[in-house]
Amino acid sequence: MLLETFVFTQLAALIDAAFEDYQLFHYRDKLGREIDFIVENEDGHIAGIEVKASTSISKDSFKHLRWFKENLAKDKSFIGIILYTGAYPLSFGGNFWGLQINALWLL
């Protein structure tokens, strides 16, 4: 929870300082699918962001992001990102990425 709070404050600050209009949401449904942060810009492009306090992630780590893309964002541009405490950026194909938590400072 502490790491997610940190990411929230960083995202909120970036959105506040941005020239474009962005909306920041949290997603959770009755089946327990949850995405920590959904960021949508004024053009309808969406980023789903999960935060993991882990040094490793797998393809299965993206299951809720993949579901969201296939069912709720199917007609929109979507990127799925897991921010994790690992050492390297990772590509999982289909516009799904694992990025180090310090990538927030590069935005």
N, C-alpha and C. Protein backbone atom coordinates (compact mmCIF):
# COMPACT_ATOMS: atom_id res chain seq x y z
N MET A 1 0.82 -1.20 0.00
CA MET A 1 0.00 0.00 0.00
C MET A 1 0.87 1.27 0.00
N LEU A 2 1.99 1.23 0.70
CA LEU A 2 2.87 2.39 0.75
C LEU A 2 3.44 2.72 -0.63
N LEU A 3 3.83 1.69 -1.36
CA LEU A 3 4.37 1.90 -2.71
C LEU A 3 3.31 2.45 -3.65
N GLU A 4 2.08 1.94 -3.54
CA GLU A 4 0.99 2.45 -4.37
C GLU A 4 0.67 3.91 -4.05
N THR A 5 0.74 4.26 -2.78
CA THR A 5 0.50 5.65 -2.38
C THR A 5 1.58 6.56 -2.97
N PHE A 6 2.82 6.11 -2.95
CA PHE A 6 3.91 6.87 -3.55
C PHE A 6 3.65 7.09 -5.05
N VAL A 7 3.28 6.02 -5.74
CA VAL A 7 3.02 6.11 -7.18
C VAL A 7 1.84 7.06 -7.44
N PHE A 8 0.80 6.95 -6.63
CA PHE A 8 -0.35 7.86 -6.79
C PHE A 8 0.08 9.32 -6.69
N THR A 9 0.89 9.66 -5.69
CA THR A 9 1.30 11.06 -5.53
C THR A 9 2.15 11.52 -6.71
N GLN A 10 2.98 10.64 -7.24
CA GLN A 10 3.81 10.99 -8.40
C GLN A 10 2.94 11.18 -9.65
N LEU A 11 2.01 10.25 -9.87
CA LEU A 11 1.12 10.38 -11.04
C LEU A 11 0.25 11.63 -10.93
N ALA A 12 -0.29 11.88 -9.75
CA ALA A 12 -1.14 13.05 -9.56
C ALA A 12 -0.36 14.33 -9.84
N ALA A 13 0.89 14.39 -9.40
CA ALA A 13 1.72 15.57 -9.65
C ALA A 13 2.01 15.73 -11.15
N LEU A 14 2.32 14.63 -11.83
CA LEU A 14 2.58 14.69 -13.27
C LEU A 14 1.34 15.13 -14.04
N ILE A 15 0.20 14.62 -13.65
CA ILE A 15 -1.06 14.99 -14.32
C ILE A 15 -1.38 16.46 -14.08
N ASP A 16 -1.16 16.92 -12.87
CA ASP A 16 -1.43 18.32 -12.54
C ASP A 16 -0.54 19.27 -13.33
N ALA A 17 0.69 18.86 -13.60
CA ALA A 17 1.64 19.72 -14.30
C ALA A 17 1.54 19.59 -15.83
N ALA A 18 0.80 18.64 -16.31
CA ALA A 18 0.72 18.37 -17.75
C ALA A 18 -0.07 19.46 -18.48
N PHE A 19 0.28 19.66 -19.74
CA PHE A 19 -0.44 20.61 -20.58
C PHE A 19 -1.75 20.01 -21.09
N GLU A 20 -1.77 18.69 -21.29
CA GLU A 20 -2.99 18.00 -21.73
C GLU A 20 -3.89 17.73 -20.54
N ASP A 21 -5.14 17.39 -20.83
CA ASP A 21 -6.09 17.03 -19.79
C ASP A 21 -6.04 15.52 -19.59
N TYR A 22 -5.75 15.07 -18.39
CA TYR A 22 -5.71 13.66 -18.04
C TYR A 22 -6.68 13.39 -16.90
N GLN A 23 -7.21 12.17 -16.88
CA GLN A 23 -8.06 11.72 -15.79
C GLN A 23 -7.37 10.51 -15.15
N LEU A 24 -7.45 10.42 -13.84
CA LEU A 24 -6.83 9.33 -13.09
C LEU A 24 -7.92 8.57 -12.34
N PHE A 25 -7.96 7.26 -12.56
CA PHE A 25 -8.99 6.41 -11.94
C PHE A 25 -8.35 5.18 -11.31
N HIS A 26 -9.14 4.51 -10.49
CA HIS A 26 -8.83 3.17 -9.97
C HIS A 26 -9.92 2.26 -10.50
N TYR A 27 -9.57 1.02 -10.88
CA TYR A 27 -10.58 0.10 -11.39
C TYR A 27 -10.66 -1.14 -10.51
N ARG A 28 -11.87 -1.49 -10.13
CA ARG A 28 -12.14 -2.75 -9.45
C ARG A 28 -13.57 -3.16 -9.75
N ASP A 29 -13.76 -4.43 -10.11
CA ASP A 29 -15.11 -4.89 -10.40
C ASP A 29 -15.55 -5.94 -9.37
N LYS A 30 -16.79 -6.39 -9.51
CA LYS A 30 -17.36 -7.32 -8.53
C LYS A 30 -16.71 -8.69 -8.56
N LEU A 31 -15.97 -9.00 -9.62
CA LEU A 31 -15.26 -10.28 -9.71
C LEU A 31 -13.85 -10.20 -9.14
N GLY A 32 -13.49 -9.03 -8.61
CA GLY A 32 -12.18 -8.86 -7.98
C GLY A 32 -11.06 -8.45 -8.92
N ARG A 33 -11.38 -8.18 -10.18
CA ARG A 33 -10.35 -7.67 -11.09
C ARG A 33 -10.04 -6.24 -10.67
N GLU A 34 -8.77 -5.95 -10.51
CA GLU A 34 -8.38 -4.64 -10.01
C GLU A 34 -7.15 -4.14 -10.76
N ILE A 35 -7.18 -2.85 -11.06
CA ILE A 35 -6.03 -2.17 -11.66
C ILE A 35 -5.79 -0.93 -10.81
N ASP A 36 -4.56 -0.78 -10.36
CA ASP A 36 -4.24 0.29 -9.42
C ASP A 36 -4.57 1.67 -10.00
N PHE A 37 -4.16 1.91 -11.24
CA PHE A 37 -4.36 3.23 -11.84
C PHE A 37 -4.73 3.10 -13.31
N ILE A 38 -5.75 3.83 -13.71
CA ILE A 38 -6.12 4.00 -15.10
C ILE A 38 -5.93 5.48 -15.40
N VAL A 39 -5.11 5.78 -16.39
CA VAL A 39 -4.87 7.16 -16.80
C VAL A 39 -5.38 7.30 -18.22
N GLU A 40 -6.26 8.28 -18.43
CA GLU A 40 -6.81 8.51 -19.77
C GLU A 40 -6.60 9.96 -20.16
N ASN A 41 -6.11 10.17 -21.39
CA ASN A 41 -5.93 11.54 -21.84
C ASN A 41 -7.16 12.03 -22.59
N GLU A 42 -7.12 13.28 -22.99
CA GLU A 42 -8.29 13.90 -23.64
C GLU A 42 -8.63 13.27 -25.00
N ASP A 43 -7.67 12.55 -25.59
CA ASP A 43 -7.91 11.87 -26.87
C ASP A 43 -8.42 10.45 -26.68
N GLY A 44 -8.58 10.01 -25.44
CA GLY A 44 -9.09 8.67 -25.16
C GLY A 44 -8.04 7.58 -25.08
N HIS A 45 -6.76 7.95 -25.15
CA HIS A 45 -5.69 6.97 -24.99
C HIS A 45 -5.61 6.59 -23.51
N ILE A 46 -5.44 5.30 -23.25
CA ILE A 46 -5.49 4.80 -21.87
C ILE A 46 -4.21 4.07 -21.51
N ALA A 47 -3.74 4.32 -20.29
CA ALA A 47 -2.65 3.54 -19.69
C ALA A 47 -3.20 2.89 -18.43
N GLY A 48 -3.05 1.58 -18.35
CA GLY A 48 -3.38 0.86 -17.13
C GLY A 48 -2.08 0.58 -16.40
N ILE A 49 -2.03 0.93 -15.12
CA ILE A 49 -0.78 0.81 -14.37
C ILE A 49 -1.01 0.01 -13.10
N GLU A 50 -0.24 -1.05 -12.95
CA GLU A 50 -0.23 -1.87 -11.74
C GLU A 50 1.09 -1.62 -11.02
N VAL A 51 1.07 -1.68 -9.72
CA VAL A 51 2.27 -1.49 -8.91
C VAL A 51 2.54 -2.79 -8.16
N LYS A 52 3.75 -3.32 -8.30
CA LYS A 52 4.13 -4.57 -7.63
C LYS A 52 5.41 -4.36 -6.84
N ALA A 53 5.37 -4.68 -5.57
CA ALA A 53 6.57 -4.60 -4.73
C ALA A 53 7.31 -5.92 -4.85
N SER A 54 7.77 -6.20 -6.06
CA SER A 54 8.44 -7.45 -6.36
C SER A 54 9.57 -7.18 -7.34
N THR A 55 10.62 -7.99 -7.26
CA THR A 55 11.74 -7.82 -8.18
C THR A 55 11.55 -8.60 -9.47
N SER A 56 10.45 -9.37 -9.56
CA SER A 56 10.19 -10.11 -10.79
C SER A 56 8.69 -10.10 -11.09
N ILE A 57 8.38 -10.15 -12.37
CA ILE A 57 7.00 -10.23 -12.83
C ILE A 57 6.94 -11.23 -13.97
N SER A 58 5.74 -11.72 -14.23
CA SER A 58 5.56 -12.71 -15.31
C SER A 58 4.39 -12.29 -16.19
N LYS A 59 4.17 -13.04 -17.23
CA LYS A 59 3.04 -12.77 -18.13
C LYS A 59 1.72 -12.80 -17.36
N ASP A 60 1.60 -13.67 -16.38
CA ASP A 60 0.39 -13.78 -15.57
C ASP A 60 0.13 -12.51 -14.75
N SER A 61 1.17 -11.75 -14.47
CA SER A 61 1.02 -10.50 -13.70
C SER A 61 0.13 -9.49 -14.44
N PHE A 62 -0.05 -9.68 -15.74
CA PHE A 62 -0.81 -8.75 -16.58
C PHE A 62 -2.25 -9.18 -16.82
N LYS A 63 -2.73 -10.21 -16.12
CA LYS A 63 -4.05 -10.77 -16.46
C LYS A 63 -5.17 -9.76 -16.36
N HIS A 64 -5.18 -8.90 -15.35
CA HIS A 64 -6.24 -7.91 -15.24
C HIS A 64 -6.07 -6.80 -16.27
N LEU A 65 -4.85 -6.43 -16.57
CA LEU A 65 -4.60 -5.43 -17.61
C LEU A 65 -5.03 -5.96 -18.98
N ARG A 66 -4.73 -7.22 -19.26
CA ARG A 66 -5.14 -7.82 -20.54
C ARG A 66 -6.67 -7.88 -20.63
N TRP A 67 -7.32 -8.29 -19.55
CA TRP A 67 -8.78 -8.35 -19.55
C TRP A 67 -9.36 -6.97 -19.82
N PHE A 68 -8.83 -5.94 -19.16
CA PHE A 68 -9.33 -4.58 -19.34
C PHE A 68 -9.18 -4.15 -20.80
N LYS A 69 -8.01 -4.41 -21.38
CA LYS A 69 -7.77 -4.03 -22.78
C LYS A 69 -8.74 -4.74 -23.72
N GLU A 70 -8.95 -6.03 -23.51
CA GLU A 70 -9.78 -6.82 -24.41
C GLU A 70 -11.28 -6.56 -24.25
N ASN A 71 -11.70 -6.11 -23.07
CA ASN A 71 -13.13 -5.98 -22.80
C ASN A 71 -13.64 -4.56 -22.62
N LEU A 72 -12.84 -3.68 -22.05
CA LEU A 72 -13.32 -2.33 -21.79
C LEU A 72 -12.63 -1.26 -22.63
N ALA A 73 -11.43 -1.55 -23.11
CA ALA A 73 -10.69 -0.56 -23.90
C ALA A 73 -10.43 -1.09 -25.31
N LYS A 74 -11.27 -1.99 -25.78
CA LYS A 74 -11.00 -2.66 -27.05
C LYS A 74 -10.98 -1.73 -28.25
N ASP A 75 -11.67 -0.61 -28.19
CA ASP A 75 -11.69 0.33 -29.31
C ASP A 75 -10.78 1.53 -29.10
N LYS A 76 -9.94 1.46 -28.07
CA LYS A 76 -9.07 2.59 -27.74
C LYS A 76 -7.61 2.15 -27.73
N SER A 77 -6.74 3.14 -27.82
CA SER A 77 -5.32 2.88 -27.68
C SER A 77 -5.04 2.59 -26.21
N PHE A 78 -4.37 1.47 -25.93
CA PHE A 78 -4.14 1.04 -24.54
C PHE A 78 -2.71 0.55 -24.38
N ILE A 79 -2.09 0.94 -23.28
CA ILE A 79 -0.79 0.40 -22.89
C ILE A 79 -0.93 -0.10 -21.45
N GLY A 80 -0.41 -1.29 -21.21
CA GLY A 80 -0.43 -1.87 -19.87
C GLY A 80 0.96 -1.84 -19.27
N ILE A 81 1.07 -1.30 -18.08
CA ILE A 81 2.37 -1.14 -17.44
C ILE A 81 2.31 -1.71 -16.03
N ILE A 82 3.33 -2.49 -15.70
CA ILE A 82 3.53 -2.89 -14.31
C ILE A 82 4.80 -2.20 -13.84
N LEU A 83 4.66 -1.38 -12.83
CA LEU A 83 5.81 -0.77 -12.18
C LEU A 83 6.26 -1.73 -11.09
N TYR A 84 7.52 -2.14 -11.14
CA TYR A 84 8.01 -3.13 -10.18
C TYR A 84 9.40 -2.74 -9.70
N THR A 85 9.90 -3.46 -8.71
CA THR A 85 11.18 -3.09 -8.09
C THR A 85 12.36 -3.82 -8.72
N GLY A 86 12.17 -4.40 -9.88
CA GLY A 86 13.24 -5.08 -10.59
C GLY A 86 14.24 -4.13 -11.21
N ALA A 87 15.23 -4.70 -11.87
CA ALA A 87 16.35 -3.91 -12.38
C ALA A 87 16.24 -3.51 -13.85
N TYR A 88 15.34 -4.17 -14.61
CA TYR A 88 15.33 -3.95 -16.06
C TYR A 88 13.92 -3.72 -16.59
N PRO A 89 13.81 -2.91 -17.66
CA PRO A 89 12.52 -2.82 -18.36
C PRO A 89 12.29 -4.12 -19.14
N LEU A 90 11.05 -4.56 -19.16
CA LEU A 90 10.71 -5.82 -19.83
C LEU A 90 9.52 -5.61 -20.76
N SER A 91 9.59 -6.21 -21.94
CA SER A 91 8.48 -6.19 -22.87
C SER A 91 7.76 -7.54 -22.80
N PHE A 92 6.43 -7.48 -22.70
CA PHE A 92 5.62 -8.69 -22.69
C PHE A 92 4.75 -8.76 -23.94
N GLY A 93 5.06 -7.97 -24.95
CA GLY A 93 4.33 -7.97 -26.21
C GLY A 93 2.95 -7.34 -26.09
N GLY A 94 2.39 -6.97 -27.21
CA GLY A 94 1.04 -6.42 -27.23
C GLY A 94 0.88 -5.11 -26.47
N ASN A 95 1.96 -4.35 -26.37
CA ASN A 95 1.96 -3.06 -25.66
C ASN A 95 1.81 -3.23 -24.15
N PHE A 96 2.40 -4.30 -23.61
CA PHE A 96 2.46 -4.54 -22.18
C PHE A 96 3.92 -4.52 -21.74
N TRP A 97 4.18 -3.73 -20.70
CA TRP A 97 5.55 -3.47 -20.27
C TRP A 97 5.71 -3.61 -18.76
N GLY A 98 6.85 -4.12 -18.37
CA GLY A 98 7.28 -4.07 -16.98
C GLY A 98 8.35 -3.00 -16.89
N LEU A 99 8.13 -2.01 -16.06
CA LEU A 99 9.10 -0.92 -15.91
C LEU A 99 9.53 -0.79 -14.46
N GLN A 100 10.78 -0.43 -14.27
CA GLN A 100 11.25 -0.20 -12.92
C GLN A 100 10.49 0.96 -12.30
N ILE A 101 10.28 0.90 -11.00
CA ILE A 101 9.52 1.93 -10.30
C ILE A 101 10.17 3.30 -10.49
N ASN A 102 11.47 3.36 -10.66
CA ASN A 102 12.14 4.65 -10.83
C ASN A 102 11.87 5.27 -12.20
N ALA A 103 11.15 4.56 -13.08
CA ALA A 103 10.76 5.13 -14.38
C ALA A 103 9.85 6.33 -14.17
N LEU A 104 9.20 6.44 -13.03
CA LEU A 104 8.35 7.60 -12.74
C LEU A 104 9.15 8.90 -12.79
N TRP A 105 10.41 8.84 -12.42
CA TRP A 105 11.23 10.05 -12.43
C TRP A 105 11.65 10.45 -13.83
N LEU A 106 11.49 9.54 -14.78
CA LEU A 106 11.89 9.83 -16.16
C LEU A 106 10.76 10.45 -16.98
N LEU A 107 9.55 10.44 -16.45
CA LEU A 107 8.40 10.97 -17.20
C LEU A 107 8.39 12.47 -17.23
